[in-house]
Amino acid sequence: MKRTLIALSFLLFFASPAYGQGGILNDSVLRADGRPAIGATVRVCTEAASGTPCSPTASIFTDKALTVSKTNPIAVDSGAAYTYYAAPGFYKEQLCLGATCVTRT
């Protein structure tokens, strides 16, 4: 019993703090024919969001420490790719090209 208590005390004393970090999402938007959807936008919304455009939007960031906000919606790059960080949780992404939008969870 004493050894267990000493071992637990040792582990608790030397345990490093767990700082909250965000998860990263890297993806791209493709047309139905598989070509990149250049000019598309991606709106990141909360799990409870509804409508087109979906609302409310989620807070997204440019870094894993979640300290630098990123514009939402996101304009895809020249290869129709996009990247963002977000706090752990469930989100909806609304992918739009022109007036056509698709929502995915």
Protein backbone atom coordinates (compact mmCIF):
# COMPACT_ATOMS: atom_id res chain seq x y z
CA MET A 1 0.00 0.00 0.00
CA LYS A 2 2.79 2.38 0.91
CA ARG A 3 4.62 1.64 -2.37
CA THR A 4 1.46 2.33 -4.36
CA LEU A 5 0.97 5.62 -2.57
CA ILE A 6 4.58 6.63 -3.20
CA ALA A 7 4.31 5.66 -6.88
CA LEU A 8 1.09 7.66 -7.30
CA SER A 9 2.60 10.66 -5.53
CA PHE A 10 5.64 10.46 -7.81
CA LEU A 11 3.47 10.32 -10.94
CA LEU A 12 1.28 13.22 -9.81
CA PHE A 13 4.27 15.33 -8.85
CA PHE A 14 6.04 14.87 -12.19
CA ALA A 15 2.99 14.83 -14.44
CA SER A 16 3.17 17.56 -17.05
CA PRO A 17 0.16 19.79 -17.49
CA ALA A 18 -2.06 19.06 -20.47
CA TYR A 19 -2.67 22.27 -22.32
CA GLY A 20 -5.68 22.43 -24.60
CA GLN A 21 -4.84 22.22 -28.26
CA GLY A 22 -6.88 22.27 -31.38
CA GLY A 23 -7.28 19.70 -34.07
CA ILE A 24 -6.34 20.40 -37.67
CA LEU A 25 -8.41 19.76 -40.75
CA ASN A 26 -6.79 19.68 -44.20
CA ASP A 27 -9.07 18.93 -47.11
CA SER A 28 -10.01 20.03 -50.60
CA VAL A 29 -13.24 20.75 -52.44
CA LEU A 30 -13.88 18.76 -55.61
CA ARG A 31 -16.55 19.08 -58.28
CA ALA A 32 -18.77 16.12 -59.12
CA ASP A 33 -16.40 15.24 -61.99
CA GLY A 34 -13.41 15.12 -59.60
CA ARG A 35 -11.80 18.38 -60.69
CA PRO A 36 -10.78 20.94 -58.03
CA ALA A 37 -13.55 23.41 -57.21
CA ILE A 38 -11.43 26.53 -57.59
CA GLY A 39 -13.26 29.57 -56.20
CA ALA A 40 -15.23 27.56 -53.64
CA THR A 41 -15.77 28.69 -50.06
CA VAL A 42 -15.98 26.61 -46.90
CA ARG A 43 -18.09 27.80 -43.97
CA VAL A 44 -17.42 26.01 -40.67
CA CYS A 45 -20.46 25.98 -38.39
CA THR A 46 -21.40 24.55 -35.02
CA GLU A 47 -23.06 21.15 -34.85
CA ALA A 48 -26.43 22.77 -34.13
CA ALA A 49 -26.19 25.14 -37.12
CA SER A 50 -28.83 25.22 -39.82
CA GLY A 51 -29.72 27.09 -43.00
CA THR A 52 -27.81 28.23 -46.05
CA PRO A 53 -25.51 29.86 -45.25
CA CYS A 54 -25.28 27.83 -42.06
CA SER A 55 -25.43 29.73 -38.80
CA PRO A 56 -23.99 30.09 -36.21
CA THR A 57 -20.44 29.79 -37.48
CA ALA A 58 -17.72 28.17 -35.38
CA SER A 59 -14.52 29.79 -34.17
CA ILE A 60 -11.62 28.56 -36.31
CA PHE A 61 -7.92 29.34 -36.09
CA THR A 62 -4.65 29.34 -38.02
CA ASP A 63 -2.59 27.64 -35.28
CA LYS A 64 -2.89 24.59 -33.02
CA ALA A 65 -2.76 26.71 -29.87
CA LEU A 66 -6.01 28.35 -31.04
CA THR A 67 -4.65 31.86 -30.56
CA VAL A 68 -4.90 33.37 -34.07
CA SER A 69 -8.44 33.59 -35.48
CA LYS A 70 -9.10 32.64 -39.08
CA THR A 71 -11.72 34.20 -41.35
CA ASN A 72 -14.87 32.09 -41.62
CA PRO A 73 -15.88 31.32 -44.38
CA ILE A 74 -12.59 30.16 -45.88
CA ALA A 75 -11.70 30.77 -49.52
CA VAL A 76 -9.96 27.68 -50.94
CA ASP A 77 -6.49 28.07 -52.47
CA SER A 78 -5.52 27.60 -56.13
CA GLY A 79 -5.71 23.81 -55.71
CA ALA A 80 -9.12 24.03 -53.97
CA ALA A 81 -7.49 23.03 -50.67
CA TYR A 82 -8.15 24.52 -47.23
CA THR A 83 -6.81 24.15 -43.69
CA TYR A 84 -8.00 25.26 -40.27
CA TYR A 85 -7.67 24.42 -36.59
CA ALA A 86 -10.61 24.13 -34.21
CA ALA A 87 -11.26 23.13 -30.62
CA PRO A 88 -12.24 19.47 -30.14
CA GLY A 89 -15.90 18.97 -30.99
CA PHE A 90 -18.36 18.34 -33.79
CA TYR A 91 -18.77 20.75 -36.67
CA LYS A 92 -20.59 21.14 -39.97
CA GLU A 93 -18.85 22.30 -43.11
CA GLN A 94 -20.83 24.01 -45.81
CA LEU A 95 -19.01 23.84 -49.14
CA CYS A 96 -20.24 26.37 -51.71
CA LEU A 97 -19.35 26.97 -55.34
CA GLY A 98 -21.42 29.80 -56.72
CA ALA A 99 -25.02 29.34 -55.54
CA THR A 100 -24.63 25.57 -55.03
CA CYS A 101 -23.90 24.51 -51.43
CA VAL A 102 -23.43 21.11 -49.81
CA THR A 103 -23.35 20.62 -46.03
CA ARG A 104 -21.40 17.79 -44.43
CA THR A 105 -20.80 16.83 -40.82
